[in-house]
Amino acid sequence: MGGTDTGRAAGTRAFIGSFTSAGGRGILCADVDPETGALTVTGATDALPDPSYLALAGPVLYAVSETEEGAAAAFDVSGAAPGQLGAPRPVRGAAPTHLAVAPGHVLTANYTSGSVSALPIAADGSLGAADAVLQHEGSGPVVDRQSGPHAHQVLVAPGGRWATAVDLGTDSVRIYALDPATGAPRPHGETALKPGTGPRHLAFHPSGSHAYVLNELEPTVTVCRWDGEAGLLEPLGEAPVVAAGTPGPSYPSEVVVAPDGRFLWAAVRGVDTLAVLALDPSGERAEFRAAVDCGGHWPRDLVLDPSGRRLYAANERSGDVTWFDVDPETGIPRRAGAVEAPAASCVVFG
């Protein structure tokens, strides 16, 4: 791969995905001020159309191409600028919206086709041709959004034995067992959630004992118990991510859990807020506490920095990434700054 940057500390760079079809610059690279959290964009590459979601594994950055034909690509980011590793690979699914790195494979969630693809990782970090496509089946009661399956997120569970695939179209979460040698997924189970909620993304509690599924079609989060030995997800109930009486519509997009397990945050488009929920010590109860302005319009992604002290919102329609200092006692985010990032869709740190 390319030359290394030995003087760079972990967490001092960020990578921002964006929609090139909406005026984005592709994948943006930014330096992170360790004292203030401020981002300074240092470069970009538009080599891949619509790189809407990114995942970092050491010096390699993986990206989906959220197009109808659907692809994924690898970039060497060990140097000053991203360098593409090999050609983009078709995922054999339409409009991939999310990806995750498993041992030996990159997994993509393909929204329009409602499937999960597995692409092997070569020794140099580049991707091989997709060697598995796992097709979801089913539908939901919201006819215009749930006429068929829509896999929106795929995430490797703590411990690395399982992957979860959140399907907005079928109101369910699929569980895949990951081959311990290759990372290849195989179907293991499916957990049904409340009909019509439209689950979008999931985040695990730091203890690994619970998971929180953020719903897009109903502004709630579903609290679940997670059995990491058996690979079982058990829904316990829902909690709101908007205050009672908030005028809609609201379209939650991303969920984040604090490293100490005390708080949960959710980005909510439409009302353009970041919700703050308190979690009880067991992780089984979530209580809405507050909502703050997201600092822009249409927060598609929300992420904590490696320190766990700041939140970053990728505001797609206002074209910026806004960062917030988080009060450690209340969990309330306070806006601290923003950087221009047209059609921003996600942020990762490395």
Protein backbone atom coordinates (compact mmCIF):
# COMPACT_ATOMS: atom_id res chain seq x y z
CA MET A 1 0.00 0.00 0.00
CA GLY A 2 1.01 3.68 0.06
CA GLY A 3 3.44 5.37 2.38
CA THR A 4 2.65 5.51 6.07
CA ASP A 5 2.19 8.60 8.21
CA THR A 6 4.02 7.55 11.36
CA GLY A 7 3.59 10.87 13.12
CA ARG A 8 -0.19 10.71 13.16
CA ALA A 9 -2.02 9.70 16.34
CA ALA A 10 -5.14 7.56 16.25
CA GLY A 11 -8.33 9.60 16.04
CA THR A 12 -6.67 12.69 14.59
CA ARG A 13 -8.19 12.20 11.15
CA ALA A 14 -11.79 11.97 10.02
CA PHE A 15 -13.33 10.81 6.76
CA ILE A 16 -16.66 12.15 5.54
CA GLY A 17 -18.85 10.33 3.02
CA SER A 18 -21.18 12.27 0.74
CA PHE A 19 -23.54 12.01 -2.22
CA THR A 20 -21.75 13.10 -5.39
CA SER A 21 -25.12 13.01 -7.21
CA ALA A 22 -26.29 15.82 -4.90
CA GLY A 23 -23.16 17.99 -5.16
CA GLY A 24 -20.92 16.19 -2.67
CA ARG A 25 -17.17 15.94 -3.19
CA GLY A 26 -17.05 12.19 -2.59
CA ILE A 27 -14.87 11.12 0.34
CA LEU A 28 -13.46 14.08 2.28
CA CYS A 29 -10.38 13.82 4.51
CA ALA A 30 -10.13 16.08 7.53
CA ASP A 31 -7.69 16.74 10.33
CA VAL A 32 -9.15 16.72 13.84
CA ASP A 33 -7.98 19.21 16.46
CA PRO A 34 -7.48 17.06 19.57
CA GLU A 35 -8.26 19.97 21.90
CA THR A 36 -11.40 21.38 20.30
CA GLY A 37 -12.62 18.60 18.03
CA ALA A 38 -12.66 21.00 15.08
CA LEU A 39 -12.46 19.46 11.62
CA THR A 40 -10.32 20.97 8.85
CA VAL A 41 -10.89 19.43 5.43
CA THR A 42 -7.56 18.65 3.78
CA GLY A 43 -8.59 16.88 0.58
CA ALA A 44 -11.17 14.74 -1.18
CA THR A 45 -11.58 12.05 -3.80
CA ASP A 46 -14.55 11.63 -6.11
CA ALA A 47 -13.26 8.36 -7.57
CA LEU A 48 -16.38 6.52 -6.33
CA PRO A 49 -19.94 7.74 -7.03
CA ASP A 50 -22.11 8.39 -3.98
CA PRO A 51 -19.84 6.99 -1.23
CA SER A 52 -22.60 7.41 1.35
CA TYR A 53 -21.22 5.14 4.06
CA LEU A 54 -17.66 4.36 5.15
CA ALA A 55 -15.90 1.90 7.45
CA LEU A 56 -12.26 2.02 8.52
CA ALA A 57 -10.03 -1.01 9.18
CA GLY A 58 -6.49 0.11 9.99
CA PRO A 59 -5.01 1.91 6.98
CA VAL A 60 -7.86 0.84 4.67
CA LEU A 61 -11.12 2.72 4.24
CA TYR A 62 -14.07 0.88 2.72
CA ALA A 63 -16.98 2.65 1.06
CA VAL A 64 -20.28 1.73 -0.52
CA SER A 65 -21.36 3.30 -3.79
CA GLU A 66 -25.07 3.93 -3.15
CA THR A 67 -26.14 3.66 -6.78
CA GLU A 68 -28.76 1.48 -8.40
CA GLU A 69 -26.11 -0.94 -9.69
CA GLY A 70 -24.38 -0.92 -6.28
CA ALA A 71 -20.67 -1.29 -5.56
CA ALA A 72 -18.07 -1.19 -2.80
CA ALA A 73 -14.46 -0.04 -2.91
CA ALA A 74 -11.31 0.08 -0.81
CA PHE A 75 -8.97 3.05 -0.29
CA ASP A 76 -5.50 3.19 1.23
CA VAL A 77 -5.53 6.09 3.70
CA SER A 78 -2.13 5.54 5.27
CA GLY A 79 -0.75 8.55 3.41
CA ALA A 80 -1.85 12.12 2.94
CA ALA A 81 -4.54 11.36 0.36
CA PRO A 82 -6.78 8.32 -0.22
CA GLY A 83 -5.59 5.97 -2.94
CA GLN A 84 -8.01 3.48 -4.43
CA LEU A 85 -7.03 -0.17 -3.93
CA GLY A 86 -8.18 -2.13 -6.94
CA ALA A 87 -11.38 -1.55 -8.87
CA PRO A 88 -14.78 -1.02 -7.22
CA ARG A 89 -16.61 -4.33 -6.92
CA PRO A 90 -20.31 -4.82 -7.73
CA VAL A 91 -22.21 -5.95 -4.64
CA ARG A 92 -24.83 -7.75 -6.75
CA GLY A 93 -27.49 -5.70 -4.98
CA ALA A 94 -29.11 -2.30 -5.49
CA ALA A 95 -28.35 0.89 -3.53
CA PRO A 96 -26.07 -0.32 -0.73
CA THR A 97 -26.51 2.05 2.23
CA HIS A 98 -24.18 0.59 4.84
CA LEU A 99 -21.21 -1.72 5.27
CA ALA A 100 -19.24 -3.43 8.00
CA VAL A 101 -15.85 -5.12 8.18
CA ALA A 102 -15.82 -8.74 9.37
CA PRO A 103 -12.73 -10.96 9.53
CA GLY A 104 -11.88 -11.63 5.90
CA HIS A 105 -14.98 -10.00 4.42
CA VAL A 106 -16.76 -6.69 3.94
CA LEU A 107 -20.53 -6.97 4.33
CA THR A 108 -22.92 -4.53 2.64
CA ALA A 109 -26.60 -3.82 3.33
CA ASN A 110 -28.36 -3.28 0.00
CA TYR A 111 -31.45 -1.15 0.55
CA THR A 112 -33.39 -1.31 -2.71
CA SER A 113 -32.85 -5.02 -3.35
CA GLY A 114 -33.21 -5.97 0.33
CA SER A 115 -30.11 -8.12 0.63
CA VAL A 116 -26.74 -8.48 2.34
CA SER A 117 -23.59 -9.10 0.27
CA ALA A 118 -20.22 -10.47 1.34
CA LEU A 119 -17.03 -9.40 -0.47
CA PRO A 120 -13.72 -11.08 0.42
CA ILE A 121 -10.78 -8.91 1.49
CA ALA A 122 -7.48 -9.57 -0.27
CA ALA A 123 -4.08 -9.44 1.42
CA ASP A 124 -3.52 -5.84 0.31
CA GLY A 125 -6.93 -4.74 1.64
CA SER A 126 -8.63 -4.59 -1.75
CA LEU A 127 -11.96 -6.28 -2.36
CA GLY A 128 -12.70 -9.39 -4.39
CA ALA A 129 -15.90 -10.22 -6.22
CA ALA A 130 -18.94 -10.76 -4.00
CA ASP A 131 -19.03 -14.45 -3.08
CA ALA A 132 -22.39 -14.45 -1.27
CA VAL A 133 -25.65 -12.52 -1.53
CA LEU A 134 -28.22 -13.21 1.18
CA GLN A 135 -31.66 -12.17 -0.03
CA HIS A 136 -34.28 -11.03 2.50
CA GLU A 137 -37.99 -11.74 2.03
CA GLY A 138 -41.10 -10.11 3.47
CA SER A 139 -42.93 -6.79 3.68
CA GLY A 140 -44.61 -4.46 6.18
CA PRO A 141 -47.86 -2.54 6.62
CA VAL A 142 -46.58 0.88 5.42
CA VAL A 143 -47.30 0.25 1.75
CA ASP A 144 -45.23 3.05 0.20
CA ARG A 145 -42.11 2.16 2.21
CA GLN A 146 -42.50 -1.53 3.05
CA SER A 147 -43.69 -3.28 -0.10
CA GLY A 148 -40.59 -5.48 0.09
CA PRO A 149 -37.39 -5.95 2.07
CA HIS A 150 -35.02 -3.00 2.52
CA ALA A 151 -31.80 -3.90 4.34
CA HIS A 152 -30.53 -0.62 5.76
CA GLN A 153 -27.65 -1.56 8.05
CA VAL A 154 -25.32 -4.48 8.67
CA LEU A 155 -23.25 -4.51 11.86
CA VAL A 156 -20.83 -7.00 13.42
CA ALA A 157 -21.94 -7.76 16.98
CA PRO A 158 -19.54 -7.57 19.94
CA GLY A 159 -17.28 -10.60 19.97
CA GLY A 160 -17.28 -10.99 16.21
CA ARG A 161 -19.38 -14.19 16.03
CA TRP A 162 -22.52 -12.62 14.61
CA ALA A 163 -23.71 -9.89 12.26
CA THR A 164 -27.05 -8.13 12.50
CA ALA A 165 -28.89 -6.82 9.44
CA VAL A 166 -31.63 -4.26 10.13
CA ASP A 167 -34.41 -4.40 7.53
CA LEU A 168 -36.72 -1.39 7.29
CA GLY A 169 -39.06 -3.10 4.84
CA THR A 170 -39.80 -6.20 6.89
CA ASP A 171 -39.79 -4.73 10.43
CA SER A 172 -37.15 -7.21 11.50
CA VAL A 173 -33.50 -7.82 12.30
CA ARG A 174 -31.73 -10.76 10.67
CA ILE A 175 -28.96 -12.50 12.58
CA TYR A 176 -26.10 -14.00 10.59
CA ALA A 177 -23.45 -16.34 11.95
CA LEU A 178 -19.95 -15.41 10.81
CA ASP A 179 -17.54 -18.17 9.86
CA PRO A 180 -14.70 -17.91 12.40
CA ALA A 181 -12.06 -18.50 9.71
CA THR A 182 -13.36 -16.47 6.78
CA GLY A 183 -16.00 -14.10 8.17
CA ALA A 184 -18.50 -15.38 5.59
CA PRO A 185 -22.11 -14.97 6.82
CA ARG A 186 -24.80 -17.63 6.95
CA PRO A 187 -28.44 -17.18 8.07
CA HIS A 188 -29.03 -17.89 11.74
CA GLY A 189 -32.32 -16.25 12.77
CA GLU A 190 -34.73 -13.33 12.45
CA THR A 191 -36.28 -11.13 15.13
CA ALA A 192 -39.65 -9.55 14.39
CA LEU A 193 -40.19 -6.00 15.66
CA LYS A 194 -43.37 -3.92 16.01
CA PRO A 195 -45.14 -3.76 12.62
CA GLY A 196 -44.81 -0.45 10.80
CA THR A 197 -41.90 0.91 12.84
CA GLY A 198 -39.44 0.62 9.95
CA PRO A 199 -36.21 -0.27 11.80
CA ARG A 200 -33.20 1.49 10.30
CA HIS A 201 -30.06 1.19 12.47
CA LEU A 202 -28.93 -0.64 15.59
CA ALA A 203 -26.32 0.06 18.28
CA PHE A 204 -25.06 -2.21 21.05
CA HIS A 205 -24.69 -1.38 24.72
CA PRO A 206 -20.99 -1.38 25.73
CA SER A 207 -21.67 -4.36 28.01
CA GLY A 208 -22.79 -6.36 24.97
CA SER A 209 -25.96 -7.42 26.78
CA HIS A 210 -28.44 -5.10 25.06
CA ALA A 211 -29.05 -3.51 21.68
CA TYR A 212 -31.11 -0.50 20.61
CA VAL A 213 -32.89 -0.46 17.25
CA LEU A 214 -33.74 2.99 15.92
CA ASN A 215 -36.95 3.10 13.90
CA GLU A 216 -37.38 5.40 10.89
CA LEU A 217 -41.13 5.16 10.26
CA GLU A 218 -42.05 5.68 13.92
CA PRO A 219 -39.85 8.01 16.01
CA THR A 220 -38.92 5.41 18.61
CA VAL A 221 -36.06 3.19 19.65
CA THR A 222 -36.72 -0.48 20.42
CA VAL A 223 -34.79 -1.72 23.45
CA CYS A 224 -33.66 -5.34 23.03
CA ARG A 225 -31.86 -7.93 25.10
CA TRP A 226 -28.94 -9.48 23.22
CA ASP A 227 -27.66 -13.01 23.90
CA GLY A 228 -24.20 -13.10 22.39
CA GLU A 229 -23.77 -16.80 23.05
CA ALA A 230 -26.91 -17.94 21.27
CA GLY A 231 -27.15 -15.07 18.77
CA LEU A 232 -30.64 -14.09 19.92
CA LEU A 233 -32.22 -10.63 19.95
CA GLU A 234 -35.28 -10.17 22.21
CA PRO A 235 -37.37 -6.96 21.95
CA LEU A 236 -38.38 -5.50 25.34
CA GLY A 237 -40.27 -2.33 24.35
CA GLU A 238 -40.07 1.06 22.68
CA ALA A 239 -39.08 4.52 23.90
CA PRO A 240 -39.73 7.81 22.05
CA VAL A 241 -36.94 9.87 20.51
CA VAL A 242 -39.06 13.03 20.20
CA ALA A 243 -40.92 14.88 22.94
CA ALA A 244 -44.65 14.25 23.28
CA GLY A 245 -46.62 16.57 21.01
CA THR A 246 -43.71 17.29 18.66
CA PRO A 247 -45.18 18.07 15.23
CA GLY A 248 -43.96 15.72 12.53
CA PRO A 249 -42.99 14.21 10.36
CA SER A 250 -39.91 12.78 12.02
CA TYR A 251 -37.47 10.35 10.41
CA PRO A 252 -34.84 9.03 12.85
CA SER A 253 -31.58 8.07 11.16
CA GLU A 254 -28.79 7.01 13.54
CA VAL A 255 -28.37 5.81 17.11
CA VAL A 256 -25.27 6.08 19.33
CA VAL A 257 -24.63 4.72 22.83
CA ALA A 258 -22.22 6.33 25.30
CA PRO A 259 -19.07 4.32 26.13
CA ASP A 260 -20.15 4.17 29.78
CA GLY A 261 -23.68 3.04 28.86
CA ARG A 262 -25.43 5.94 30.59
CA PHE A 263 -26.85 7.72 27.54
CA LEU A 264 -28.22 7.07 24.09
CA TRP A 265 -28.38 9.68 21.33
CA ALA A 266 -30.45 9.61 18.16
CA ALA A 267 -30.40 11.85 15.10
CA VAL A 268 -33.91 12.74 13.93
CA ARG A 269 -34.47 14.21 10.47
CA GLY A 270 -37.52 16.31 9.72
CA VAL A 271 -37.47 17.96 13.14
CA ASP A 272 -33.65 18.19 12.80
CA THR A 273 -32.82 17.29 16.38
CA LEU A 274 -30.46 15.15 18.40
CA ALA A 275 -32.42 13.23 21.03
CA VAL A 276 -30.90 12.47 24.43
CA LEU A 277 -32.14 9.37 26.26
CA ALA A 278 -30.95 8.17 29.67
CA LEU A 279 -30.30 4.44 30.09
CA ASP A 280 -30.73 2.72 33.43
CA PRO A 281 -27.80 0.70 34.85
CA SER A 282 -29.20 -2.56 33.48
CA GLY A 283 -29.50 -1.15 29.97
CA GLU A 284 -33.10 -2.37 29.74
CA ARG A 285 -34.86 0.98 30.10
CA ALA A 286 -34.46 4.14 28.03
CA GLU A 287 -36.05 7.47 28.99
CA PHE A 288 -36.30 10.50 26.72
CA ARG A 289 -34.65 13.49 28.41
CA ALA A 290 -34.10 16.26 25.84
CA ALA A 291 -33.71 17.23 22.21
CA VAL A 292 -31.25 19.79 20.85
CA ASP A 293 -30.95 21.34 17.41
CA CYS A 294 -28.70 19.29 15.11
CA GLY A 295 -26.96 22.43 13.86
CA GLY A 296 -28.14 21.99 10.28
CA HIS A 297 -30.77 20.25 8.17
CA TRP A 298 -31.45 16.52 7.75
CA PRO A 299 -28.92 14.80 10.06
CA ARG A 300 -28.25 11.54 8.23
CA ASP A 301 -25.48 10.30 10.51
CA LEU A 302 -24.35 10.75 14.09
CA VAL A 303 -21.10 9.49 15.57
CA LEU A 304 -18.97 9.82 18.71
CA ASP A 305 -15.33 10.69 18.40
CA PRO A 306 -12.81 8.15 19.80
CA SER A 307 -12.66 10.00 23.14
CA GLY A 308 -16.42 9.64 23.62
CA ARG A 309 -16.63 13.33 24.54
CA ARG A 310 -17.96 14.77 21.28
CA LEU A 311 -20.76 14.02 18.85
CA TYR A 312 -20.60 14.77 15.12
CA ALA A 313 -23.73 15.13 12.98
CA ALA A 314 -23.54 14.82 9.19
CA ASN A 315 -26.28 17.18 8.04
CA GLU A 316 -27.02 16.08 4.50
CA ARG A 317 -29.28 18.84 3.18
CA SER A 318 -27.53 21.81 4.77
CA GLY A 319 -24.18 20.40 3.64
CA ASP A 320 -22.16 20.44 6.83
CA VAL A 321 -20.77 18.39 9.69
CA THR A 322 -21.53 19.92 13.08
CA TRP A 323 -19.76 18.86 16.27
CA PHE A 324 -20.96 19.04 19.85
CA ASP A 325 -19.33 18.84 23.26
CA VAL A 326 -21.26 16.40 25.45
CA ASP A 327 -21.93 17.24 29.09
CA PRO A 328 -20.68 14.14 30.96
CA GLU A 329 -23.29 14.50 33.71
CA THR A 330 -26.44 15.19 31.67
CA GLY A 331 -25.52 13.82 28.26
CA ILE A 332 -26.72 17.08 26.66
CA PRO A 333 -24.73 18.02 23.51
CA ARG A 334 -23.66 21.65 23.10
CA ARG A 335 -22.83 22.91 19.61
CA ALA A 336 -19.12 23.70 19.28
CA GLY A 337 -18.54 24.21 15.56
CA ALA A 338 -19.18 23.09 12.00
CA VAL A 339 -17.40 22.54 8.69
CA GLU A 340 -18.80 22.70 5.18
CA ALA A 341 -19.33 19.26 3.61
CA PRO A 342 -21.85 19.28 0.75
CA ALA A 343 -24.38 16.40 0.83
CA ALA A 344 -22.64 14.91 3.89
CA SER A 345 -23.82 11.42 4.77
CA CYS A 346 -21.45 9.90 7.35
CA VAL A 347 -18.32 10.47 9.44
CA VAL A 348 -15.71 7.96 10.61
CA PHE A 349 -12.53 8.50 12.66
CA GLY A 350 -9.15 6.89 12.40
